[in-house]
Amino acid sequence: MYALYSALLAIGLAAYLPAFLLRRRRAGYGHALAQRFGRLGEGLPPEPRCWIHAVSVGESATAAPLVEAIRRRWPELGVVVSTITPTGARIVTDRLGGVA
């Protein structure tokens, strides 16, 4: 039974793969695919640094005042902000482009 389940799961995943890739490309995930695998184009800020991960769009918007306060309090601290969605990344880029 386990082998049948595994085979059906593999077939289902292979059948869904083209739709998944197309949907990801249309949603704006394509440009950040390398970053999702750990490839950073601009690189990381120098150490010391802190990392803030904003999961939702609301958290991305809320992270901006936090990052600004961290930069005021510890100007030598590099700040890295990561997001999950393209919209969240756009919000972070628009509000914190030169800061984080």
C-alpha atoms as a PDB file:
ATOM      1  CA  MET A   1       0.000   0.000   0.000  1.00  0.00           C
ATOM      2  CA  TYR A   2       2.867   2.361   0.823  1.00  0.00           C
ATOM      3  CA  ALA A   3       4.468   1.774  -2.580  1.00  0.00           C
ATOM      4  CA  LEU A   4       1.167   2.518  -4.341  1.00  0.00           C
ATOM      5  CA  TYR A   5       0.718   5.717  -2.348  1.00  0.00           C
ATOM      6  CA  SER A   6       4.282   6.814  -3.110  1.00  0.00           C
ATOM      7  CA  ALA A   7       3.848   6.096  -6.823  1.00  0.00           C
ATOM      8  CA  LEU A   8       0.570   8.028  -6.980  1.00  0.00           C
ATOM      9  CA  LEU A   9       2.134  10.937  -5.123  1.00  0.00           C
ATOM     10  CA  ALA A  10       5.090  11.037  -7.522  1.00  0.00           C
ATOM     11  CA  ILE A  11       2.770  10.959 -10.547  1.00  0.00           C
ATOM     12  CA  GLY A  12       0.601  13.698  -9.064  1.00  0.00           C
ATOM     13  CA  LEU A  13       3.592  15.904  -8.320  1.00  0.00           C
ATOM     14  CA  ALA A  14       5.010  15.397 -11.820  1.00  0.00           C
ATOM     15  CA  ALA A  15       1.630  16.257 -13.357  1.00  0.00           C
ATOM     16  CA  TYR A  16       1.303  19.417 -11.241  1.00  0.00           C
ATOM     17  CA  LEU A  17       4.873  20.647 -11.828  1.00  0.00           C
ATOM     18  CA  PRO A  18       4.191  22.619 -15.069  1.00  0.00           C
ATOM     19  CA  ALA A  19       1.210  24.415 -13.511  1.00  0.00           C
ATOM     20  CA  PHE A  20       3.239  25.142 -10.394  1.00  0.00           C
ATOM     21  CA  LEU A  21       6.131  26.628 -12.369  1.00  0.00           C
ATOM     22  CA  LEU A  22       3.825  28.734 -14.537  1.00  0.00           C
ATOM     23  CA  ARG A  23       1.928  30.027 -11.525  1.00  0.00           C
ATOM     24  CA  ARG A  24       5.139  30.923  -9.717  1.00  0.00           C
ATOM     25  CA  ARG A  25       6.404  32.810 -12.733  1.00  0.00           C
ATOM     26  CA  ARG A  26       3.185  34.797 -13.139  1.00  0.00           C
ATOM     27  CA  ALA A  27       3.023  35.604  -9.429  1.00  0.00           C
ATOM     28  CA  GLY A  28       6.439  37.241  -9.498  1.00  0.00           C
ATOM     29  CA  TYR A  29       8.455  34.588  -7.716  1.00  0.00           C
ATOM     30  CA  GLY A  30      10.759  33.952 -10.656  1.00  0.00           C
ATOM     31  CA  HIS A  31      13.215  36.784 -10.072  1.00  0.00           C
ATOM     32  CA  ALA A  32      13.800  35.718  -6.473  1.00  0.00           C
ATOM     33  CA  LEU A  33      14.249  32.026  -7.192  1.00  0.00           C
ATOM     34  CA  ALA A  34      18.029  32.226  -6.839  1.00  0.00           C
ATOM     35  CA  GLN A  35      17.627  33.970  -3.480  1.00  0.00           C
ATOM     36  CA  ARG A  36      15.377  31.147  -2.328  1.00  0.00           C
ATOM     37  CA  PHE A  37      18.317  28.812  -2.911  1.00  0.00           C
ATOM     38  CA  GLY A  38      20.722  31.027  -0.974  1.00  0.00           C
ATOM     39  CA  ARG A  39      22.202  33.024  -3.853  1.00  0.00           C
ATOM     40  CA  LEU A  40      22.374  36.687  -2.894  1.00  0.00           C
ATOM     41  CA  GLY A  41      23.102  39.111  -5.707  1.00  0.00           C
ATOM     42  CA  GLU A  42      24.132  42.101  -3.618  1.00  0.00           C
ATOM     43  CA  GLY A  43      25.462  40.014  -0.776  1.00  0.00           C
ATOM     44  CA  LEU A  44      25.019  40.558   2.908  1.00  0.00           C
ATOM     45  CA  PRO A  45      25.827  43.718   4.842  1.00  0.00           C
ATOM     46  CA  PRO A  46      29.032  43.598   6.858  1.00  0.00           C
ATOM     47  CA  GLU A  47      28.981  42.110  10.322  1.00  0.00           C
ATOM     48  CA  PRO A  48      27.575  42.672  12.871  1.00  0.00           C
ATOM     49  CA  ARG A  49      24.113  42.203  11.413  1.00  0.00           C
ATOM     50  CA  CYS A  50      20.647  41.138  12.416  1.00  0.00           C
ATOM     51  CA  TRP A  51      18.010  39.304  10.446  1.00  0.00           C
ATOM     52  CA  ILE A  52      14.300  40.103  10.442  1.00  0.00           C
ATOM     53  CA  HIS A  53      11.955  37.694   8.691  1.00  0.00           C
ATOM     54  CA  ALA A  54       8.543  39.057   7.701  1.00  0.00           C
ATOM     55  CA  VAL A  55       6.159  36.287   6.693  1.00  0.00           C
ATOM     56  CA  SER A  56       3.075  38.250   5.663  1.00  0.00           C
ATOM     57  CA  VAL A  57       2.505  41.551   3.891  1.00  0.00           C
ATOM     58  CA  GLY A  58       1.359  43.038   7.191  1.00  0.00           C
ATOM     59  CA  GLU A  59       4.553  41.947   8.904  1.00  0.00           C
ATOM     60  CA  SER A  60       6.579  43.452   6.041  1.00  0.00           C
ATOM     61  CA  ALA A  61       4.860  46.784   6.541  1.00  0.00           C
ATOM     62  CA  THR A  62       5.246  46.546  10.307  1.00  0.00           C
ATOM     63  CA  ALA A  63       8.939  45.668  10.042  1.00  0.00           C
ATOM     64  CA  ALA A  64       9.796  49.052   8.501  1.00  0.00           C
ATOM     65  CA  PRO A  65       9.509  51.083  11.751  1.00  0.00           C
ATOM     66  CA  LEU A  66      11.380  48.340  13.605  1.00  0.00           C
ATOM     67  CA  VAL A  67      14.257  48.404  11.109  1.00  0.00           C
ATOM     68  CA  GLU A  68      14.384  52.207  11.207  1.00  0.00           C
ATOM     69  CA  ALA A  69      14.523  52.140  15.026  1.00  0.00           C
ATOM     70  CA  ILE A  70      17.271  49.504  14.990  1.00  0.00           C
ATOM     71  CA  ARG A  71      19.295  51.592  12.533  1.00  0.00           C
ATOM     72  CA  ARG A  72      18.901  54.700  14.728  1.00  0.00           C
ATOM     73  CA  ARG A  73      19.861  52.835  17.902  1.00  0.00           C
ATOM     74  CA  TRP A  74      22.699  50.751  16.408  1.00  0.00           C
ATOM     75  CA  PRO A  75      23.893  52.474  13.199  1.00  0.00           C
ATOM     76  CA  GLU A  76      26.806  50.047  12.806  1.00  0.00           C
ATOM     77  CA  LEU A  77      24.447  47.038  12.719  1.00  0.00           C
ATOM     78  CA  GLY A  78      23.624  45.712   9.248  1.00  0.00           C
ATOM     79  CA  VAL A  79      19.989  44.674   8.851  1.00  0.00           C
ATOM     80  CA  VAL A  80      18.781  41.864   6.589  1.00  0.00           C
ATOM     81  CA  VAL A  81      15.041  41.564   5.945  1.00  0.00           C
ATOM     82  CA  SER A  82      13.604  38.458   4.301  1.00  0.00           C
ATOM     83  CA  THR A  83      10.050  37.874   3.120  1.00  0.00           C
ATOM     84  CA  ILE A  84       7.972  35.073   1.657  1.00  0.00           C
ATOM     85  CA  THR A  85       5.792  36.834  -0.906  1.00  0.00           C
ATOM     86  CA  PRO A  86       6.698  39.118  -3.811  1.00  0.00           C
ATOM     87  CA  THR A  87       4.320  41.742  -2.413  1.00  0.00           C
ATOM     88  CA  GLY A  88       6.083  41.666   0.942  1.00  0.00           C
ATOM     89  CA  ALA A  89       9.447  41.999  -0.799  1.00  0.00           C
ATOM     90  CA  ARG A  90       8.134  44.975  -2.780  1.00  0.00           C
ATOM     91  CA  ILE A  91       6.971  46.669   0.423  1.00  0.00           C
ATOM     92  CA  VAL A  92      10.360  46.129   2.068  1.00  0.00           C
ATOM     93  CA  THR A  93      12.186  47.389  -1.022  1.00  0.00           C
ATOM     94  CA  ASP A  94       9.983  50.481  -1.303  1.00  0.00           C
ATOM     95  CA  ARG A  95      10.150  51.422   2.359  1.00  0.00           C
ATOM     96  CA  LEU A  96      13.631  50.211   3.273  1.00  0.00           C
ATOM     97  CA  GLY A  97      15.527  50.107  -0.016  1.00  0.00           C
ATOM     98  CA  GLY A  98      18.622  51.906   1.204  1.00  0.00           C
ATOM     99  CA  VAL A  99      18.447  50.853   4.836  1.00  0.00           C
ATOM    100  CA  ALA A 100      18.074  47.060   4.841  1.00  0.00           C
END
